[in-house]
Structure formats: C-alpha cells, structure tokens
Amino acid sequence: MTKNFIIITFFFFSQYCFSQSDINLLLNHQFNGQPLSYSQNYNDENGNAISISRIQYYISSIEITHDGGILTPLNDVYVLTNGKISCQR
C-alpha cells in the first residue's frame, strides 16, 4: 500500500513539475502594408527596385504571462531569429 502511494505521489509531482507549454510567436512580414514575398520585387521610397532575400532580427524584453496572470520577465535574453523560418505542428 505504501509503495503504491509513493509511486502515485511521485507520478503526480513529476507531471506537475515538468509540465510545459509551447510558446509560439507568429509574425506576418509586410512591405508597405502588403504581405511580404521573398520572390517579389518592390520599390523603396526613392523608387529603386529592391528584392528581399533575408530577414533577421533580435527579440528582447520578453515577458511571459502564465498561471493566471503571473508575469515572468526574461532578463538578459536576446534571440536572433530568421524571418524565413516556418514551423508547423
């Protein structure tokens, strides 16, 4: 009986302590208010033809809200990300 109680208690706490949720960030890149396409040519503000082949940017000042409104700031976290990556689940 005690052995079963210990196993059930361990299982409960291991699920509680290690439960995680994915965090997804969806960015819709635009050029002049229109959806950005990597294969399309655009005109800049001076009328010059440009094409965009790479987008990279840093993300910082990240705060995660969880567990009914608890705010967790991720201080000193800087993420360099590639704007052309798409992950589907």
PDB file of N, CA and C in Angstrom:
ATOM      1  N   MET A   1       0.821  -1.187   0.000  1.00  0.00           N
ATOM      2  CA  MET A   1       0.000   0.000   0.000  1.00  0.00           C
ATOM      3  C   MET A   1       0.866   1.253   0.000  1.00  0.00           C
ATOM      4  N   THR A   2       1.877   1.297   0.863  1.00  0.00           N
ATOM      5  CA  THR A   2       2.761   2.447   0.943  1.00  0.00           C
ATOM      6  C   THR A   2       3.544   2.613  -0.353  1.00  0.00           C
ATOM      7  N   LYS A   3       3.956   1.497  -0.944  1.00  0.00           N
ATOM      8  CA  LYS A   3       4.696   1.540  -2.202  1.00  0.00           C
ATOM      9  C   LYS A   3       3.839   2.169  -3.303  1.00  0.00           C
ATOM     10  N   ASN A   4       2.580   1.778  -3.395  1.00  0.00           N
ATOM     11  CA  ASN A   4       1.678   2.346  -4.407  1.00  0.00           C
ATOM     12  C   ASN A   4       1.459   3.839  -4.174  1.00  0.00           C
ATOM     13  N   PHE A   5       1.316   4.231  -2.927  1.00  0.00           N
ATOM     14  CA  PHE A   5       1.141   5.640  -2.596  1.00  0.00           C
ATOM     15  C   PHE A   5       2.354   6.458  -3.035  1.00  0.00           C
ATOM     16  N   ILE A   6       3.537   5.943  -2.789  1.00  0.00           N
ATOM     17  CA  ILE A   6       4.767   6.639  -3.176  1.00  0.00           C
ATOM     18  C   ILE A   6       4.854   6.759  -4.700  1.00  0.00           C
ATOM     19  N   ILE A   7       4.513   5.705  -5.414  1.00  0.00           N
ATOM     20  CA  ILE A   7       4.558   5.729  -6.882  1.00  0.00           C
ATOM     21  C   ILE A   7       3.556   6.735  -7.433  1.00  0.00           C
ATOM     22  N   ILE A   8       2.343   6.726  -6.912  1.00  0.00           N
ATOM     23  CA  ILE A   8       1.316   7.662  -7.379  1.00  0.00           C
ATOM     24  C   ILE A   8       1.713   9.101  -7.054  1.00  0.00           C
ATOM     25  N   THR A   9       2.240   9.322  -5.853  1.00  0.00           N
ATOM     26  CA  THR A   9       2.677  10.659  -5.459  1.00  0.00           C
ATOM     27  C   THR A   9       3.819  11.139  -6.351  1.00  0.00           C
ATOM     28  N   PHE A  10       4.778  10.273  -6.617  1.00  0.00           N
ATOM     29  CA  PHE A  10       5.890  10.636  -7.491  1.00  0.00           C
ATOM     30  C   PHE A  10       5.390  10.979  -8.897  1.00  0.00           C
ATOM     31  N   PHE A  11       4.490  10.174  -9.428  1.00  0.00           N
ATOM     32  CA  PHE A  11       3.944  10.423 -10.757  1.00  0.00           C
ATOM     33  C   PHE A  11       3.230  11.767 -10.811  1.00  0.00           C
ATOM     34  N   PHE A  12       2.412  12.052  -9.810  1.00  0.00           N
ATOM     35  CA  PHE A  12       1.677  13.317  -9.769  1.00  0.00           C
ATOM     36  C   PHE A  12       2.634  14.503  -9.757  1.00  0.00           C
ATOM     37  N   PHE A  13       3.625  14.483  -8.878  1.00  0.00           N
ATOM     38  CA  PHE A  13       4.552  15.605  -8.777  1.00  0.00           C
ATOM     39  C   PHE A  13       5.466  15.713  -9.984  1.00  0.00           C
ATOM     40  N   SER A  14       5.835  14.594 -10.587  1.00  0.00           N
ATOM     41  CA  SER A  14       6.680  14.685 -11.781  1.00  0.00           C
ATOM     42  C   SER A  14       5.915  15.318 -12.931  1.00  0.00           C
ATOM     43  N   GLN A  15       4.632  15.032 -13.057  1.00  0.00           N
ATOM     44  CA  GLN A  15       3.824  15.658 -14.105  1.00  0.00           C
ATOM     45  C   GLN A  15       3.629  17.142 -13.821  1.00  0.00           C
ATOM     46  N   TYR A  16       3.420  17.494 -12.606  1.00  0.00           N
ATOM     47  CA  TYR A  16       3.203  18.889 -12.219  1.00  0.00           C
ATOM     48  C   TYR A  16       4.477  19.713 -12.395  1.00  0.00           C
ATOM     49  N   CYS A  17       5.605  19.180 -11.979  1.00  0.00           N
ATOM     50  CA  CYS A  17       6.857  19.929 -12.008  1.00  0.00           C
ATOM     51  C   CYS A  17       7.417  20.089 -13.415  1.00  0.00           C
ATOM     52  N   PHE A  18       7.164  19.138 -14.292  1.00  0.00           N
ATOM     53  CA  PHE A  18       7.770  19.168 -15.609  1.00  0.00           C
ATOM     54  C   PHE A  18       6.781  19.523 -16.710  1.00  0.00           C
ATOM     55  N   SER A  19       5.577  19.929 -16.359  1.00  0.00           N
ATOM     56  CA  SER A  19       4.619  20.290 -17.400  1.00  0.00           C
ATOM     57  C   SER A  19       5.054  21.605 -18.028  1.00  0.00           C
ATOM     58  N   GLN A  20       5.001  21.645 -19.342  1.00  0.00           N
ATOM     59  CA  GLN A  20       5.404  22.824 -20.086  1.00  0.00           C
ATOM     60  C   GLN A  20       4.428  23.051 -21.217  1.00  0.00           C
ATOM     61  N   SER A  21       4.380  24.277 -21.659  1.00  0.00           N
ATOM     62  CA  SER A  21       3.570  24.624 -22.811  1.00  0.00           C
ATOM     63  C   SER A  21       4.463  25.271 -23.854  1.00  0.00           C
ATOM     64  N   ASP A  22       4.158  25.026 -25.109  1.00  0.00           N
ATOM     65  CA  ASP A  22       4.884  25.679 -26.185  1.00  0.00           C
ATOM     66  C   ASP A  22       4.513  27.149 -26.224  1.00  0.00           C
ATOM     67  N   ILE A  23       5.471  27.956 -26.597  1.00  0.00           N
ATOM     68  CA  ILE A  23       5.229  29.369 -26.819  1.00  0.00           C
ATOM     69  C   ILE A  23       5.456  29.611 -28.310  1.00  0.00           C
ATOM     70  N   ASN A  24       4.450  30.128 -28.968  1.00  0.00           N
ATOM     71  CA  ASN A  24       4.540  30.379 -30.401  1.00  0.00           C
ATOM     72  C   ASN A  24       4.456  31.868 -30.665  1.00  0.00           C
ATOM     73  N   LEU A  25       5.280  32.323 -31.574  1.00  0.00           N
ATOM     74  CA  LEU A  25       5.281  33.721 -31.976  1.00  0.00           C
ATOM     75  C   LEU A  25       5.037  33.755 -33.474  1.00  0.00           C
ATOM     76  N   LEU A  26       3.967  34.385 -33.877  1.00  0.00           N
ATOM     77  CA  LEU A  26       3.606  34.478 -35.281  1.00  0.00           C
ATOM     78  C   LEU A  26       3.820  35.912 -35.745  1.00  0.00           C
ATOM     79  N   LEU A  27       4.718  36.093 -36.694  1.00  0.00           N
ATOM     80  CA  LEU A  27       4.992  37.409 -37.261  1.00  0.00           C
ATOM     81  C   LEU A  27       4.604  37.383 -38.730  1.00  0.00           C
ATOM     82  N   ASN A  28       3.848  38.361 -39.149  1.00  0.00           N
ATOM     83  CA  ASN A  28       3.468  38.497 -40.547  1.00  0.00           C
ATOM     84  C   ASN A  28       4.244  39.668 -41.124  1.00  0.00           C
ATOM     85  N   HIS A  29       5.263  39.365 -41.920  1.00  0.00           N
ATOM     86  CA  HIS A  29       6.093  40.406 -42.508  1.00  0.00           C
ATOM     87  C   HIS A  29       5.328  41.127 -43.609  1.00  0.00           C
ATOM     88  N   GLN A  30       5.486  42.446 -43.631  1.00  0.00           N
ATOM     89  CA  GLN A  30       4.805  43.258 -44.628  1.00  0.00           C
ATOM     90  C   GLN A  30       5.774  44.274 -45.218  1.00  0.00           C
ATOM     91  N   PHE A  31       5.469  44.692 -46.432  1.00  0.00           N
ATOM     92  CA  PHE A  31       6.181  45.782 -47.078  1.00  0.00           C
ATOM     93  C   PHE A  31       5.131  46.755 -47.585  1.00  0.00           C
ATOM     94  N   ASN A  32       5.167  47.983 -47.090  1.00  0.00           N
ATOM     95  CA  ASN A  32       4.157  48.995 -47.433  1.00  0.00           C
ATOM     96  C   ASN A  32       2.734  48.499 -47.177  1.00  0.00           C
ATOM     97  N   GLY A  33       2.548  47.785 -46.087  1.00  0.00           N
ATOM     98  CA  GLY A  33       1.213  47.343 -45.698  1.00  0.00           C
ATOM     99  C   GLY A  33       0.699  46.113 -46.423  1.00  0.00           C
ATOM    100  N   GLN A  34       1.518  45.514 -47.278  1.00  0.00           N
ATOM    101  CA  GLN A  34       1.120  44.304 -48.011  1.00  0.00           C
ATOM    102  C   GLN A  34       1.969  43.131 -47.545  1.00  0.00           C
ATOM    103  N   PRO A  35       1.425  41.908 -47.585  1.00  0.00           N
ATOM    104  CA  PRO A  35       2.219  40.738 -47.186  1.00  0.00           C
ATOM    105  C   PRO A  35       3.509  40.640 -47.995  1.00  0.00           C
ATOM    106  N   LEU A  36       4.603  40.358 -47.320  1.00  0.00           N
ATOM    107  CA  LEU A  36       5.920  40.275 -47.935  1.00  0.00           C
ATOM    108  C   LEU A  36       6.103  38.929 -48.611  1.00  0.00           C
ATOM    109  N   SER A  37       6.661  38.949 -49.803  1.00  0.00           N
ATOM    110  CA  SER A  37       7.013  37.726 -50.514  1.00  0.00           C
ATOM    111  C   SER A  37       8.486  37.811 -50.884  1.00  0.00           C
ATOM    112  N   TYR A  38       9.241  36.756 -50.609  1.00  0.00           N
ATOM    113  CA  TYR A  38      10.672  36.771 -50.889  1.00  0.00           C
ATOM    114  C   TYR A  38      10.977  36.764 -52.385  1.00  0.00           C
ATOM    115  N   SER A  39      10.066  36.321 -53.200  1.00  0.00           N
ATOM    116  CA  SER A  39      10.330  36.218 -54.638  1.00  0.00           C
ATOM    117  C   SER A  39       9.832  37.428 -55.428  1.00  0.00           C
ATOM    118  N   GLN A  40       9.358  38.450 -54.752  1.00  0.00           N
ATOM    119  CA  GLN A  40       8.759  39.601 -55.427  1.00  0.00           C
ATOM    120  C   GLN A  40       9.691  40.806 -55.363  1.00  0.00           C
ATOM    121  N   ASN A  41       9.649  41.648 -56.401  1.00  0.00           N
ATOM    122  CA  ASN A  41      10.394  42.904 -56.408  1.00  0.00           C
ATOM    123  C   ASN A  41       9.505  44.011 -55.860  1.00  0.00           C
ATOM    124  N   TYR A  42      10.138  44.930 -55.120  1.00  0.00           N
ATOM    125  CA  TYR A  42       9.429  46.052 -54.514  1.00  0.00           C
ATOM    126  C   TYR A  42      10.133  47.337 -54.900  1.00  0.00           C
ATOM    127  N   ASN A  43       9.474  48.444 -54.729  1.00  0.00           N
ATOM    128  CA  ASN A  43      10.088  49.749 -54.906  1.00  0.00           C
ATOM    129  C   ASN A  43      10.201  50.416 -53.546  1.00  0.00           C
ATOM    130  N   ASP A  44      11.408  50.931 -53.241  1.00  0.00           N
ATOM    131  CA  ASP A  44      11.585  51.637 -51.976  1.00  0.00           C
ATOM    132  C   ASP A  44      11.037  53.060 -52.097  1.00  0.00           C
ATOM    133  N   GLU A  45      11.227  53.872 -51.050  1.00  0.00           N
ATOM    134  CA  GLU A  45      10.663  55.221 -51.033  1.00  0.00           C
ATOM    135  C   GLU A  45      11.257  56.139 -52.113  1.00  0.00           C
ATOM    136  N   ASN A  46      12.406  55.762 -52.691  1.00  0.00           N
ATOM    137  CA  ASN A  46      13.022  56.554 -53.759  1.00  0.00           C
ATOM    138  C   ASN A  46      12.721  55.992 -55.148  1.00  0.00           C
ATOM    139  N   GLY A  47      11.896  54.963 -55.209  1.00  0.00           N
ATOM    140  CA  GLY A  47      11.554  54.361 -56.490  1.00  0.00           C
ATOM    141  C   GLY A  47      12.546  53.323 -56.974  1.00  0.00           C
ATOM    142  N   ASN A  48      13.535  52.990 -56.154  1.00  0.00           N
ATOM    143  CA  ASN A  48      14.522  51.974 -56.533  1.00  0.00           C
ATOM    144  C   ASN A  48      13.928  50.585 -56.386  1.00  0.00           C
ATOM    145  N   ALA A  49      14.176  49.722 -57.357  1.00  0.00           N
ATOM    146  CA  ALA A  49      13.704  48.338 -57.290  1.00  0.00           C
ATOM    147  C   ALA A  49      14.562  47.557 -56.304  1.00  0.00           C
ATOM    148  N   ILE A  50      13.916  46.885 -55.390  1.00  0.00           N
ATOM    149  CA  ILE A  50      14.626  46.057 -54.406  1.00  0.00           C
ATOM    150  C   ILE A  50      13.930  44.704 -54.311  1.00  0.00           C
ATOM    151  N   SER A  51      14.685  43.713 -53.890  1.00  0.00           N
ATOM    152  CA  SER A  51      14.096  42.417 -53.559  1.00  0.00           C
ATOM    153  C   SER A  51      14.653  42.004 -52.203  1.00  0.00           C
ATOM    154  N   ILE A  52      13.847  41.358 -51.426  1.00  0.00           N
ATOM    155  CA  ILE A  52      14.234  40.970 -50.065  1.00  0.00           C
ATOM    156  C   ILE A  52      14.485  39.472 -50.066  1.00  0.00           C
ATOM    157  N   SER A  53      15.709  39.098 -49.696  1.00  0.00           N
ATOM    158  CA  SER A  53      16.073  37.687 -49.691  1.00  0.00           C
ATOM    159  C   SER A  53      16.350  37.161 -48.292  1.00  0.00           C
ATOM    160  N   ARG A  54      16.442  38.067 -47.312  1.00  0.00           N
ATOM    161  CA  ARG A  54      16.753  37.616 -45.954  1.00  0.00           C
ATOM    162  C   ARG A  54      16.229  38.627 -44.949  1.00  0.00           C
ATOM    163  N   ILE A  55      15.617  38.126 -43.893  1.00  0.00           N
ATOM    164  CA  ILE A  55      15.176  38.966 -42.778  1.00  0.00           C
ATOM    165  C   ILE A  55      15.686  38.311 -41.500  1.00  0.00           C
ATOM    166  N   GLN A  56      16.399  39.069 -40.687  1.00  0.00           N
ATOM    167  CA  GLN A  56      16.836  38.616 -39.377  1.00  0.00           C
ATOM    168  C   GLN A  56      16.638  39.762 -38.401  1.00  0.00           C
ATOM    169  N   TYR A  57      16.317  39.439 -37.179  1.00  0.00           N
ATOM    170  CA  TYR A  57      16.111  40.464 -36.167  1.00  0.00           C
ATOM    171  C   TYR A  57      16.304  39.871 -34.791  1.00  0.00           C
ATOM    172  N   TYR A  58      16.572  40.769 -33.838  1.00  0.00           N
ATOM    173  CA  TYR A  58      16.704  40.384 -32.443  1.00  0.00           C
ATOM    174  C   TYR A  58      15.375  40.596 -31.735  1.00  0.00           C
ATOM    175  N   ILE A  59      15.046  39.675 -30.864  1.00  0.00           N
ATOM    176  CA  ILE A  59      13.887  39.817 -29.995  1.00  0.00           C
ATOM    177  C   ILE A  59      14.417  39.924 -28.570  1.00  0.00           C
ATOM    178  N   SER A  60      13.945  40.942 -27.850  1.00  0.00           N
ATOM    179  CA  SER A  60      14.380  41.128 -26.463  1.00  0.00           C
ATOM    180  C   SER A  60      13.218  41.700 -25.660  1.00  0.00           C
ATOM    181  N   SER A  61      13.458  41.974 -24.406  1.00  0.00           N
ATOM    182  CA  SER A  61      12.434  42.477 -23.483  1.00  0.00           C
ATOM    183  C   SER A  61      11.221  41.556 -23.469  1.00  0.00           C
ATOM    184  N   ILE A  62      11.479  40.272 -23.382  1.00  0.00           N
ATOM    185  CA  ILE A  62      10.436  39.249 -23.429  1.00  0.00           C
ATOM    186  C   ILE A  62       9.842  39.076 -22.035  1.00  0.00           C
ATOM    187  N   GLU A  63       8.521  39.037 -21.967  1.00  0.00           N
ATOM    188  CA  GLU A  63       7.803  38.748 -20.726  1.00  0.00           C
ATOM    189  C   GLU A  63       6.770  37.673 -21.026  1.00  0.00           C
ATOM    190  N   ILE A  64       6.708  36.678 -20.182  1.00  0.00           N
ATOM    191  CA  ILE A  64       5.765  35.577 -20.353  1.00  0.00           C
ATOM    192  C   ILE A  64       4.710  35.662 -19.259  1.00  0.00           C
ATOM    193  N   THR A  65       3.444  35.642 -19.655  1.00  0.00           N
ATOM    194  CA  THR A  65       2.337  35.621 -18.700  1.00  0.00           C
ATOM    195  C   THR A  65       1.826  34.193 -18.597  1.00  0.00           C
ATOM    196  N   HIS A  66       1.747  33.680 -17.392  1.00  0.00           N
ATOM    197  CA  HIS A  66       1.333  32.284 -17.189  1.00  0.00           C
ATOM    198  C   HIS A  66       0.624  32.134 -15.850  1.00  0.00           C
ATOM    199  N   ASP A  67       0.068  30.978 -15.640  1.00  0.00           N
ATOM    200  CA  ASP A  67      -0.558  30.600 -14.367  1.00  0.00           C
ATOM    201  C   ASP A  67      -1.485  31.676 -13.812  1.00  0.00           C
ATOM    202  N   GLY A  68      -2.439  32.083 -14.611  1.00  0.00           N
ATOM    203  CA  GLY A  68      -3.437  33.028 -14.136  1.00  0.00           C
ATOM    204  C   GLY A  68      -2.951  34.454 -14.015  1.00  0.00           C
ATOM    205  N   GLY A  69      -1.941  34.830 -14.792  1.00  0.00           N
ATOM    206  CA  GLY A  69      -1.522  36.222 -14.812  1.00  0.00           C
ATOM    207  C   GLY A  69      -0.162  36.503 -14.207  1.00  0.00           C
ATOM    208  N   ILE A  70       0.560  35.484 -13.778  1.00  0.00           N
ATOM    209  CA  ILE A  70       1.904  35.713 -13.244  1.00  0.00           C
ATOM    210  C   ILE A  70       2.807  36.118 -14.394  1.00  0.00           C
ATOM    211  N   LEU A  71       3.545  37.202 -14.212  1.00  0.00           N
ATOM    212  CA  LEU A  71       4.416  37.741 -15.249  1.00  0.00           C
ATOM    213  C   LEU A  71       5.857  37.369 -14.944  1.00  0.00           C
ATOM    214  N   THR A  72       6.519  36.716 -15.908  1.00  0.00           N
ATOM    215  CA  THR A  72       7.914  36.322 -15.762  1.00  0.00           C
ATOM    216  C   THR A  72       8.739  37.034 -16.824  1.00  0.00           C
ATOM    217  N   PRO A  73       9.544  38.027 -16.423  1.00  0.00           N
ATOM    218  CA  PRO A  73      10.411  38.682 -17.404  1.00  0.00           C
ATOM    219  C   PRO A  73      11.636  37.803 -17.690  1.00  0.00           C
ATOM    220  N   LEU A  74      12.039  37.748 -18.940  1.00  0.00           N
ATOM    221  CA  LEU A  74      13.251  37.022 -19.321  1.00  0.00           C
ATOM    222  C   LEU A  74      14.358  38.051 -19.512  1.00  0.00           C
ATOM    223  N   ASN A  75      14.962  38.425 -18.402  1.00  0.00           N
ATOM    224  CA  ASN A  75      16.005  39.444 -18.422  1.00  0.00           C
ATOM    225  C   ASN A  75      17.260  38.901 -19.086  1.00  0.00           C
ATOM    226  N   ASP A  76      17.929  39.753 -19.814  1.00  0.00           N
ATOM    227  CA  ASP A  76      19.182  39.412 -20.495  1.00  0.00           C
ATOM    228  C   ASP A  76      19.027  38.244 -21.468  1.00  0.00           C
ATOM    229  N   VAL A  77      17.851  38.096 -22.065  1.00  0.00           N
ATOM    230  CA  VAL A  77      17.625  37.082 -23.092  1.00  0.00           C
ATOM    231  C   VAL A  77      17.446  37.819 -24.408  1.00  0.00           C
ATOM    232  N   TYR A  78      18.281  37.464 -25.382  1.00  0.00           N
ATOM    233  CA  TYR A  78      18.224  38.061 -26.710  1.00  0.00           C
ATOM    234  C   TYR A  78      18.186  36.923 -27.718  1.00  0.00           C
ATOM    235  N   VAL A  79      17.181  36.935 -28.560  1.00  0.00           N
ATOM    236  CA  VAL A  79      17.006  35.863 -29.531  1.00  0.00           C
ATOM    237  C   VAL A  79      17.241  36.440 -30.919  1.00  0.00           C
ATOM    238  N   LEU A  80      18.216  35.891 -31.654  1.00  0.00           N
ATOM    239  CA  LEU A  80      18.421  36.245 -33.050  1.00  0.00           C
ATOM    240  C   LEU A  80      17.639  35.243 -33.868  1.00  0.00           C
ATOM    241  N   THR A  81      16.691  35.725 -34.627  1.00  0.00           N
ATOM    242  CA  THR A  81      15.819  34.821 -35.351  1.00  0.00           C
ATOM    243  C   THR A  81      15.831  35.129 -36.840  1.00  0.00           C
ATOM    244  N   ASN A  82      15.517  34.128 -37.599  1.00  0.00           N
ATOM    245  CA  ASN A  82      15.457  34.232 -39.052  1.00  0.00           C
ATOM    246  C   ASN A  82      13.999  34.369 -39.449  1.00  0.00           C
ATOM    247  N   GLY A  83      13.654  35.404 -40.168  1.00  0.00           N
ATOM    248  CA  GLY A  83      12.270  35.665 -40.534  1.00  0.00           C
ATOM    249  C   GLY A  83      11.708  34.737 -41.582  1.00  0.00           C
ATOM    250  N   LYS A  84      12.515  33.856 -42.137  1.00  0.00           N
ATOM    251  CA  LYS A  84      12.042  32.980 -43.211  1.00  0.00           C
ATOM    252  C   LYS A  84      11.727  31.575 -42.693  1.00  0.00           C
ATOM    253  N   ILE A  85      11.800  31.358 -41.410  1.00  0.00           N
ATOM    254  CA  ILE A  85      11.547  30.037 -40.843  1.00  0.00           C
ATOM    255  C   ILE A  85      10.065  29.894 -40.524  1.00  0.00           C
ATOM    256  N   SER A  86       9.517  28.772 -40.899  1.00  0.00           N
ATOM    257  CA  SER A  86       8.127  28.475 -40.586  1.00  0.00           C
ATOM    258  C   SER A  86       8.067  27.093 -39.963  1.00  0.00           C
ATOM    259  N   CYS A  87       7.476  26.996 -38.809  1.00  0.00           N
ATOM    260  CA  CYS A  87       7.331  25.720 -38.120  1.00  0.00           C
ATOM    261  C   CYS A  87       5.843  25.388 -38.041  1.00  0.00           C
ATOM    262  N   GLN A  88       5.499  24.242 -38.495  1.00  0.00           N
ATOM    263  CA  GLN A  88       4.105  23.775 -38.432  1.00  0.00           C
ATOM    264  C   GLN A  88       4.039  22.598 -37.486  1.00  0.00           C
ATOM    265  N   ARG A  89       2.988  22.566 -36.682  1.00  0.00           N
ATOM    266  CA  ARG A  89       2.802  21.444 -35.753  1.00  0.00           C
ATOM    267  C   ARG A  89       1.787  20.495 -36.324  1.00  0.00           C
TER     268      ARG A  89
END
